[in-house]
C-alpha atoms as a PDB file:
ATOM      1  CA  UNK A   1      -0.006   0.029  -0.024  1.00  0.00           C
ATOM      2  CA  UNK A   2       1.309   3.419  -0.934  1.00  0.00           C
ATOM      3  CA  UNK A   3       0.943   6.489   1.295  1.00  0.00           C
ATOM      4  CA  UNK A   4       0.836   9.965  -0.176  1.00  0.00           C
ATOM      5  CA  UNK A   5       1.484  13.100   1.830  1.00  0.00           C
ATOM      6  CA  UNK A   6      -0.639  16.048   0.952  1.00  0.00           C
ATOM      7  CA  UNK A   7       1.296  19.250   0.056  1.00  0.00           C
ATOM      8  CA  UNK A   8       0.313  21.035   3.292  1.00  0.00           C
ATOM      9  CA  UNK A   9       1.399  18.149   5.460  1.00  0.00           C
ATOM     10  CA  UNK A  10       4.655  17.788   3.536  1.00  0.00           C
ATOM     11  CA  UNK A  11       5.274  21.558   4.002  1.00  0.00           C
ATOM     12  CA  UNK A  12       4.548  21.288   7.683  1.00  0.00           C
ATOM     13  CA  UNK A  13       6.956  18.419   8.088  1.00  0.00           C
ATOM     14  CA  UNK A  14       9.698  20.276   6.231  1.00  0.00           C
ATOM     15  CA  UNK A  15       9.050  23.396   8.341  1.00  0.00           C
ATOM     16  CA  UNK A  16       9.271  21.375  11.609  1.00  0.00           C
ATOM     17  CA  UNK A  17      12.501  19.842  10.483  1.00  0.00           C
ATOM     18  CA  UNK A  18      14.038  23.190   9.604  1.00  0.00           C
ATOM     19  CA  UNK A  19      12.870  24.610  12.991  1.00  0.00           C
ATOM     20  CA  UNK A  20      14.539  21.705  14.795  1.00  0.00           C
ATOM     21  CA  UNK A  21      17.745  22.243  12.846  1.00  0.00           C
ATOM     22  CA  UNK A  22      17.723  25.906  13.720  1.00  0.00           C
ATOM     23  CA  UNK A  23      17.135  25.164  17.391  1.00  0.00           C
ATOM     24  CA  UNK A  24      19.976  22.670  17.384  1.00  0.00           C
ATOM     25  CA  UNK A  25      22.337  25.206  15.866  1.00  0.00           C
ATOM     26  CA  UNK A  26      21.233  27.946  18.337  1.00  0.00           C
ATOM     27  CA  UNK A  27      21.943  25.601  21.206  1.00  0.00           C
ATOM     28  CA  UNK A  28      25.528  25.298  20.074  1.00  0.00           C
ATOM     29  CA  UNK A  29      25.836  29.027  19.536  1.00  0.00           C
ATOM     30  CA  UNK A  30      24.561  29.614  23.024  1.00  0.00           C
ATOM     31  CA  UNK A  31      26.915  26.951  24.679  1.00  0.00           C
ATOM     32  CA  UNK A  32      29.944  28.267  22.818  1.00  0.00           C
ATOM     33  CA  UNK A  33      29.131  31.850  23.925  1.00  0.00           C
ATOM     34  CA  UNK A  34      28.734  30.609  27.498  1.00  0.00           C
ATOM     35  CA  UNK A  35      32.110  29.028  27.433  1.00  0.00           C
ATOM     36  CA  UNK A  36      33.824  32.117  25.956  1.00  0.00           C
ATOM     37  CA  UNK A  37      32.161  34.431  28.524  1.00  0.00           C
ATOM     38  CA  UNK A  38      32.860  32.198  31.511  1.00  0.00           C
ATOM     39  CA  UNK A  39      36.355  30.813  30.794  1.00  0.00           C
ATOM     40  CA  UNK A  40      38.001  33.059  28.295  1.00  0.00           C
ATOM     41  CA  UNK A  41      37.548  36.631  29.495  1.00  0.00           C
ATOM     42  CA  UNK A  42      38.994  38.640  32.407  1.00  0.00           C
ATOM     43  CA  UNK A  43      35.691  39.445  34.100  1.00  0.00           C
ATOM     44  CA  UNK A  44      32.110  40.556  33.440  1.00  0.00           C
ATOM     45  CA  UNK A  45      33.067  44.074  32.624  1.00  0.00           C
ATOM     46  CA  UNK A  46      36.193  43.369  30.636  1.00  0.00           C
ATOM     47  CA  UNK A  47      35.977  41.128  27.550  1.00  0.00           C
ATOM     48  CA  UNK A  48      39.771  41.200  27.137  1.00  0.00           C
ATOM     49  CA  UNK A  49      40.541  37.600  25.883  1.00  0.00           C
ATOM     50  CA  UNK A  50      42.191  35.431  28.456  1.00  0.00           C
ATOM     51  CA  UNK A  51      43.999  32.079  27.779  1.00  0.00           C
ATOM     52  CA  UNK A  52      42.855  28.760  29.195  1.00  0.00           C
ATOM     53  CA  UNK A  53      43.379  28.407  33.002  1.00  0.00           C
ATOM     54  CA  UNK A  54      42.782  25.089  34.644  1.00  0.00           C
ATOM     55  CA  UNK A  55      44.029  22.629  37.299  1.00  0.00           C
ATOM     56  CA  UNK A  56      46.393  19.981  36.088  1.00  0.00           C
ATOM     57  CA  UNK A  57      47.065  18.201  39.376  1.00  0.00           C
ATOM     58  CA  UNK A  58      45.366  17.066  42.504  1.00  0.00           C
ATOM     59  CA  UNK A  59      43.334  19.386  44.656  1.00  0.00           C
ATOM     60  CA  UNK A  60      44.384  19.229  48.226  1.00  0.00           C
ATOM     61  CA  UNK A  61      41.367  20.530  50.156  1.00  0.00           C
ATOM     62  CA  UNK A  62      41.364  22.104  53.585  1.00  0.00           C
ATOM     63  CA  UNK A  63      38.867  24.034  55.676  1.00  0.00           C
ATOM     64  CA  UNK A  64      40.588  26.847  57.575  1.00  0.00           C
ATOM     65  CA  UNK A  65      37.949  27.388  60.268  1.00  0.00           C
ATOM     66  CA  UNK A  66      35.489  24.518  60.057  1.00  0.00           C
ATOM     67  CA  UNK A  67      34.487  24.842  63.684  1.00  0.00           C
ATOM     68  CA  UNK A  68      32.784  28.195  63.087  1.00  0.00           C
ATOM     69  CA  UNK A  69      30.231  26.655  60.654  1.00  0.00           C
ATOM     70  CA  UNK A  70      30.520  22.957  61.133  1.00  0.00           C
ATOM     71  CA  UNK A  71      27.137  22.175  59.558  1.00  0.00           C
ATOM     72  CA  UNK A  72      28.267  23.849  56.279  1.00  0.00           C
ATOM     73  CA  UNK A  73      31.428  21.950  55.813  1.00  0.00           C
ATOM     74  CA  UNK A  74      29.942  19.028  53.959  1.00  0.00           C
ATOM     75  CA  UNK A  75      27.763  21.066  51.615  1.00  0.00           C
ATOM     76  CA  UNK A  76      30.844  23.041  50.694  1.00  0.00           C
ATOM     77  CA  UNK A  77      33.026  19.975  50.220  1.00  0.00           C
ATOM     78  CA  UNK A  78      30.390  18.359  48.042  1.00  0.00           C
ATOM     79  CA  UNK A  79      30.094  21.427  45.821  1.00  0.00           C
ATOM     80  CA  UNK A  80      33.834  21.333  45.177  1.00  0.00           C
ATOM     81  CA  UNK A  81      33.903  17.581  44.651  1.00  0.00           C
ATOM     82  CA  UNK A  82      30.951  17.676  42.230  1.00  0.00           C
ATOM     83  CA  UNK A  83      32.766  20.079  40.021  1.00  0.00           C
ATOM     84  CA  UNK A  84      36.037  18.175  40.354  1.00  0.00           C
ATOM     85  CA  UNK A  85      34.324  14.924  39.349  1.00  0.00           C
ATOM     86  CA  UNK A  86      33.063  16.447  36.112  1.00  0.00           C
ATOM     87  CA  UNK A  87      36.542  17.926  35.498  1.00  0.00           C
ATOM     88  CA  UNK A  88      38.286  14.575  36.227  1.00  0.00           C
ATOM     89  CA  UNK A  89      40.382  16.208  38.948  1.00  0.00           C
ATOM     90  CA  UNK A  90      41.165  14.233  42.090  1.00  0.00           C
ATOM     91  CA  UNK A  91      40.497  15.822  45.476  1.00  0.00           C
ATOM     92  CA  UNK A  92      42.302  14.786  48.695  1.00  0.00           C
ATOM     93  CA  UNK A  93      40.818  15.989  52.044  1.00  0.00           C
ATOM     94  CA  UNK A  94      43.271  17.472  54.444  1.00  0.00           C
ATOM     95  CA  UNK A  95      43.006  18.574  58.051  1.00  0.00           C
ATOM     96  CA  UNK A  96      42.439  22.293  58.745  1.00  0.00           C
ATOM     97  CA  UNK A  97      45.752  24.148  58.899  1.00  0.00           C
ATOM     98  CA  UNK A  98      47.658  21.623  56.727  1.00  0.00           C
ATOM     99  CA  UNK A  99      50.165  23.777  54.945  1.00  0.00           C
ATOM    100  CA  UNK A 100      50.273  21.432  51.933  1.00  0.00           C
ATOM    101  CA  UNK A 101      46.688  22.464  50.997  1.00  0.00           C
ATOM    102  CA  UNK A 102      46.264  24.150  47.644  1.00  0.00           C
ATOM    103  CA  UNK A 103      42.536  24.784  47.968  1.00  0.00           C
ATOM    104  CA  UNK A 104      41.328  26.435  51.191  1.00  0.00           C
ATOM    105  CA  UNK A 105      37.790  27.217  52.290  1.00  0.00           C
ATOM    106  CA  UNK A 106      37.051  30.008  54.807  1.00  0.00           C
ATOM    107  CA  UNK A 107      33.768  30.719  56.421  1.00  0.00           C
ATOM    108  CA  UNK A 108      33.632  34.481  56.570  1.00  0.00           C
ATOM    109  CA  UNK A 109      30.612  36.624  57.313  1.00  0.00           C
ATOM    110  CA  UNK A 110      32.501  39.875  56.817  1.00  0.00           C
ATOM    111  CA  UNK A 111      32.591  39.638  53.069  1.00  0.00           C
ATOM    112  CA  UNK A 112      35.399  40.836  50.800  1.00  0.00           C
ATOM    113  CA  UNK A 113      36.553  44.398  50.321  1.00  0.00           C
ATOM    114  CA  UNK A 114      33.876  45.612  52.624  1.00  0.00           C
ATOM    115  CA  UNK A 115      31.005  43.883  50.842  1.00  0.00           C
ATOM    116  CA  UNK A 116      29.381  42.043  53.693  1.00  0.00           C
ATOM    117  CA  UNK A 117      27.131  39.215  52.848  1.00  0.00           C
ATOM    118  CA  UNK A 118      29.127  38.120  49.811  1.00  0.00           C
ATOM    119  CA  UNK A 119      30.504  34.719  48.953  1.00  0.00           C
ATOM    120  CA  UNK A 120      33.669  34.728  46.894  1.00  0.00           C
ATOM    121  CA  UNK A 121      35.742  32.263  44.913  1.00  0.00           C
ATOM    122  CA  UNK A 122      39.118  32.793  43.356  1.00  0.00           C
ATOM    123  CA  UNK A 123      41.987  31.007  41.684  1.00  0.00           C
ATOM    124  CA  UNK A 124      45.701  31.649  41.244  1.00  0.00           C
ATOM    125  CA  UNK A 125      47.809  30.319  38.424  1.00  0.00           C
ATOM    126  CA  UNK A 126      51.422  30.169  37.409  1.00  0.00           C
ATOM    127  CA  UNK A 127      53.178  31.469  34.320  1.00  0.00           C
ATOM    128  CA  UNK A 128      52.005  28.400  32.335  1.00  0.00           C
ATOM    129  CA  UNK A 129      48.337  29.278  33.352  1.00  0.00           C
ATOM    130  CA  UNK A 130      48.057  26.091  35.509  1.00  0.00           C
ATOM    131  CA  UNK A 131      45.861  26.816  38.525  1.00  0.00           C
ATOM    132  CA  UNK A 132      47.935  26.233  41.585  1.00  0.00           C
ATOM    133  CA  UNK A 133      45.688  27.465  44.288  1.00  0.00           C
ATOM    134  CA  UNK A 134      41.879  27.896  44.892  1.00  0.00           C
ATOM    135  CA  UNK A 135      40.203  29.803  47.668  1.00  0.00           C
ATOM    136  CA  UNK A 136      36.607  30.169  48.786  1.00  0.00           C
ATOM    137  CA  UNK A 137      35.254  32.642  51.310  1.00  0.00           C
ATOM    138  CA  UNK A 138      31.761  31.528  52.018  1.00  0.00           C
ATOM    139  CA  UNK A 139      29.336  33.541  54.145  1.00  0.00           C
ATOM    140  CA  UNK A 140      27.779  31.205  56.765  1.00  0.00           C
ATOM    141  CA  UNK A 141      24.888  33.692  57.283  1.00  0.00           C
ATOM    142  CA  UNK A 142      23.711  33.065  53.662  1.00  0.00           C
ATOM    143  CA  UNK A 143      21.439  30.252  54.870  1.00  0.00           C
ATOM    144  CA  UNK A 144      18.651  31.015  52.348  1.00  0.00           C
ATOM    145  CA  UNK A 145      21.010  30.305  49.460  1.00  0.00           C
ATOM    146  CA  UNK A 146      24.231  28.838  50.852  1.00  0.00           C
ATOM    147  CA  UNK A 147      23.769  25.856  48.566  1.00  0.00           C
ATOM    148  CA  UNK A 148      24.159  28.244  45.567  1.00  0.00           C
ATOM    149  CA  UNK A 149      27.315  29.789  47.009  1.00  0.00           C
ATOM    150  CA  UNK A 150      28.756  26.316  47.606  1.00  0.00           C
ATOM    151  CA  UNK A 151      28.452  25.384  43.867  1.00  0.00           C
ATOM    152  CA  UNK A 152      28.722  28.782  42.191  1.00  0.00           C
ATOM    153  CA  UNK A 153      31.906  29.995  43.846  1.00  0.00           C
ATOM    154  CA  UNK A 154      33.999  26.768  43.317  1.00  0.00           C
ATOM    155  CA  UNK A 155      33.288  27.166  39.579  1.00  0.00           C
ATOM    156  CA  UNK A 156      35.441  30.257  39.690  1.00  0.00           C
ATOM    157  CA  UNK A 157      38.256  28.449  41.415  1.00  0.00           C
ATOM    158  CA  UNK A 158      38.199  25.817  38.705  1.00  0.00           C
ATOM    159  CA  UNK A 159      38.865  28.292  35.875  1.00  0.00           C
ATOM    160  CA  UNK A 160      35.511  29.879  35.135  1.00  0.00           C
ATOM    161  CA  UNK A 161      36.399  33.395  36.331  1.00  0.00           C
ATOM    162  CA  UNK A 162      33.517  35.246  34.818  1.00  0.00           C
ATOM    163  CA  UNK A 163      29.729  34.908  34.485  1.00  0.00           C
ATOM    164  CA  UNK A 164      27.745  33.890  31.320  1.00  0.00           C
ATOM    165  CA  UNK A 165      24.601  35.733  32.460  1.00  0.00           C
ATOM    166  CA  UNK A 166      22.441  34.845  29.421  1.00  0.00           C
ATOM    167  CA  UNK A 167      23.091  31.149  29.874  1.00  0.00           C
ATOM    168  CA  UNK A 168      21.095  28.649  31.995  1.00  0.00           C
ATOM    169  CA  UNK A 169      23.995  28.182  34.304  1.00  0.00           C
ATOM    170  CA  UNK A 170      24.758  28.171  38.020  1.00  0.00           C
ATOM    171  CA  UNK A 171      27.241  30.913  37.108  1.00  0.00           C
ATOM    172  CA  UNK A 172      24.524  33.288  35.844  1.00  0.00           C
ATOM    173  CA  UNK A 173      23.083  36.042  37.959  1.00  0.00           C
ATOM    174  CA  UNK A 174      20.044  35.974  35.771  1.00  0.00           C
ATOM    175  CA  UNK A 175      19.181  32.444  36.914  1.00  0.00           C
ATOM    176  CA  UNK A 176      19.733  33.184  40.622  1.00  0.00           C
ATOM    177  CA  UNK A 177      17.451  30.398  41.632  1.00  0.00           C
ATOM    178  CA  UNK A 178      19.792  27.756  40.140  1.00  0.00           C
ATOM    179  CA  UNK A 179      21.511  25.873  42.946  1.00  0.00           C
ATOM    180  CA  UNK A 180      22.851  22.839  41.282  1.00  0.00           C
ATOM    181  CA  UNK A 181      24.940  22.279  38.104  1.00  0.00           C
ATOM    182  CA  UNK A 182      22.793  22.420  34.942  1.00  0.00           C
ATOM    183  CA  UNK A 183      23.433  20.166  31.991  1.00  0.00           C
ATOM    184  CA  UNK A 184      25.194  23.099  30.260  1.00  0.00           C
ATOM    185  CA  UNK A 185      27.425  23.550  33.296  1.00  0.00           C
ATOM    186  CA  UNK A 186      28.508  19.931  33.169  1.00  0.00           C
ATOM    187  CA  UNK A 187      29.271  20.291  29.440  1.00  0.00           C
ATOM    188  CA  UNK A 188      31.265  23.500  30.140  1.00  0.00           C
ATOM    189  CA  UNK A 189      33.324  21.830  32.853  1.00  0.00           C
ATOM    190  CA  UNK A 190      34.018  18.736  30.755  1.00  0.00           C
ATOM    191  CA  UNK A 191      35.022  20.990  27.839  1.00  0.00           C
ATOM    192  CA  UNK A 192      37.469  23.124  29.779  1.00  0.00           C
ATOM    193  CA  UNK A 193      39.024  19.924  31.222  1.00  0.00           C
ATOM    194  CA  UNK A 194      39.238  18.120  27.925  1.00  0.00           C
ATOM    195  CA  UNK A 195      42.837  17.270  27.077  1.00  0.00           C
ATOM    196  CA  UNK A 196      42.513  19.256  23.863  1.00  0.00           C
ATOM    197  CA  UNK A 197      42.375  22.457  25.831  1.00  0.00           C
ATOM    198  CA  UNK A 198      45.767  23.000  27.444  1.00  0.00           C
ATOM    199  CA  UNK A 199      46.685  25.815  29.961  1.00  0.00           C
ATOM    200  CA  UNK A 200      47.826  28.916  28.239  1.00  0.00           C
ATOM    201  CA  UNK A 201      45.999  28.119  24.911  1.00  0.00           C
ATOM    202  CA  UNK A 202      45.083  31.573  23.415  1.00  0.00           C
ATOM    203  CA  UNK A 203      41.514  32.528  23.506  1.00  0.00           C
ATOM    204  CA  UNK A 204      40.812  32.344  19.827  1.00  0.00           C
ATOM    205  CA  UNK A 205      42.142  28.855  19.349  1.00  0.00           C
ATOM    206  CA  UNK A 206      40.561  27.784  22.656  1.00  0.00           C
ATOM    207  CA  UNK A 207      37.202  29.190  21.542  1.00  0.00           C
ATOM    208  CA  UNK A 208      37.150  27.126  18.304  1.00  0.00           C
ATOM    209  CA  UNK A 209      38.332  24.002  20.010  1.00  0.00           C
ATOM    210  CA  UNK A 210      35.914  24.311  22.912  1.00  0.00           C
ATOM    211  CA  UNK A 211      33.065  24.891  20.445  1.00  0.00           C
ATOM    212  CA  UNK A 212      33.803  21.596  18.644  1.00  0.00           C
ATOM    213  CA  UNK A 213      33.996  19.753  21.874  1.00  0.00           C
ATOM    214  CA  UNK A 214      30.646  21.233  22.963  1.00  0.00           C
ATOM    215  CA  UNK A 215      29.289  20.213  19.582  1.00  0.00           C
ATOM    216  CA  UNK A 216      30.099  16.579  20.381  1.00  0.00           C
ATOM    217  CA  UNK A 217      28.384  16.773  23.803  1.00  0.00           C
ATOM    218  CA  UNK A 218      25.350  18.394  22.242  1.00  0.00           C
ATOM    219  CA  UNK A 219      25.316  15.907  19.305  1.00  0.00           C
ATOM    220  CA  UNK A 220      25.301  18.779  16.889  1.00  0.00           C
ATOM    221  CA  UNK A 221      25.449  17.906  13.154  1.00  0.00           C
ATOM    222  CA  UNK A 222      28.794  18.481  11.533  1.00  0.00           C
ATOM    223  CA  UNK A 223      27.323  21.306   9.399  1.00  0.00           C
ATOM    224  CA  UNK A 224      26.336  23.121  12.591  1.00  0.00           C
ATOM    225  CA  UNK A 225      29.811  22.550  14.076  1.00  0.00           C
ATOM    226  CA  UNK A 226      31.455  23.981  10.996  1.00  0.00           C
ATOM    227  CA  UNK A 227      29.127  26.980  10.727  1.00  0.00           C
ATOM    228  CA  UNK A 228      29.327  27.926  14.432  1.00  0.00           C
ATOM    229  CA  UNK A 229      32.928  27.039  15.330  1.00  0.00           C
ATOM    230  CA  UNK A 230      35.198  27.715  12.378  1.00  0.00           C
ATOM    231  CA  UNK A 231      35.434  31.533  12.808  1.00  0.00           C
ATOM    232  CA  UNK A 232      35.179  31.914  16.570  1.00  0.00           C
ATOM    233  CA  UNK A 233      37.688  34.290  18.114  1.00  0.00           C
ATOM    234  CA  UNK A 234      36.871  34.272  21.827  1.00  0.00           C
ATOM    235  CA  UNK A 235      34.671  36.623  23.917  1.00  0.00           C
ATOM    236  CA  UNK A 236      33.125  39.576  22.209  1.00  0.00           C
ATOM    237  CA  UNK A 237      35.021  42.798  22.899  1.00  0.00           C
ATOM    238  CA  UNK A 238      33.116  45.108  25.245  1.00  0.00           C
ATOM    239  CA  UNK A 239      31.887  48.335  23.741  1.00  0.00           C
END
């Protein structure tokens, strides 16, 4: 038995297919932009391209003053370890005050630079752009959203120094209610810690490489990968 599609139904099917293709390509555009904005620029207000910065060795984790917020130690530890697991970075737990620690968490309700109430995550790197130290200052009075602090701030310490505000990400200030890693966040972490991205890789090359890695995670067609990734040059320069 033969089945014939009427012209209107055929046009509808073609239109739906085109819409799906456009949506798939836009997802890659958005993911690539989120990577550039979070991992390859200096900060939110400065789109100066920055090279890849990432951990290459074991994180040696210590809590400097765990006794001041004992109930918040495990949520903080799990936030760090959740990101590290996606990155493929080993984490070793150390006692407080261990001088061999390279990632230290402080519970600090006084904020940073006079900004009380803030949580803050930072990273330091060597000349090769290998991150050698991470630091979190987490405000224990942020009970209403401490779980967000405990996953947002470690992202900064793992090499995502800025915020992709338009992306559905725990790094975004637009999606302030997001308190766990999104699927996009997991792809971003896996991309940054893919062996193809090496510390010190210039932003333009890293942007194109990251885009193609993201295309694989998103299962984007090769045509989309070529169209979106070939001419990327890193974060868009601020006006």
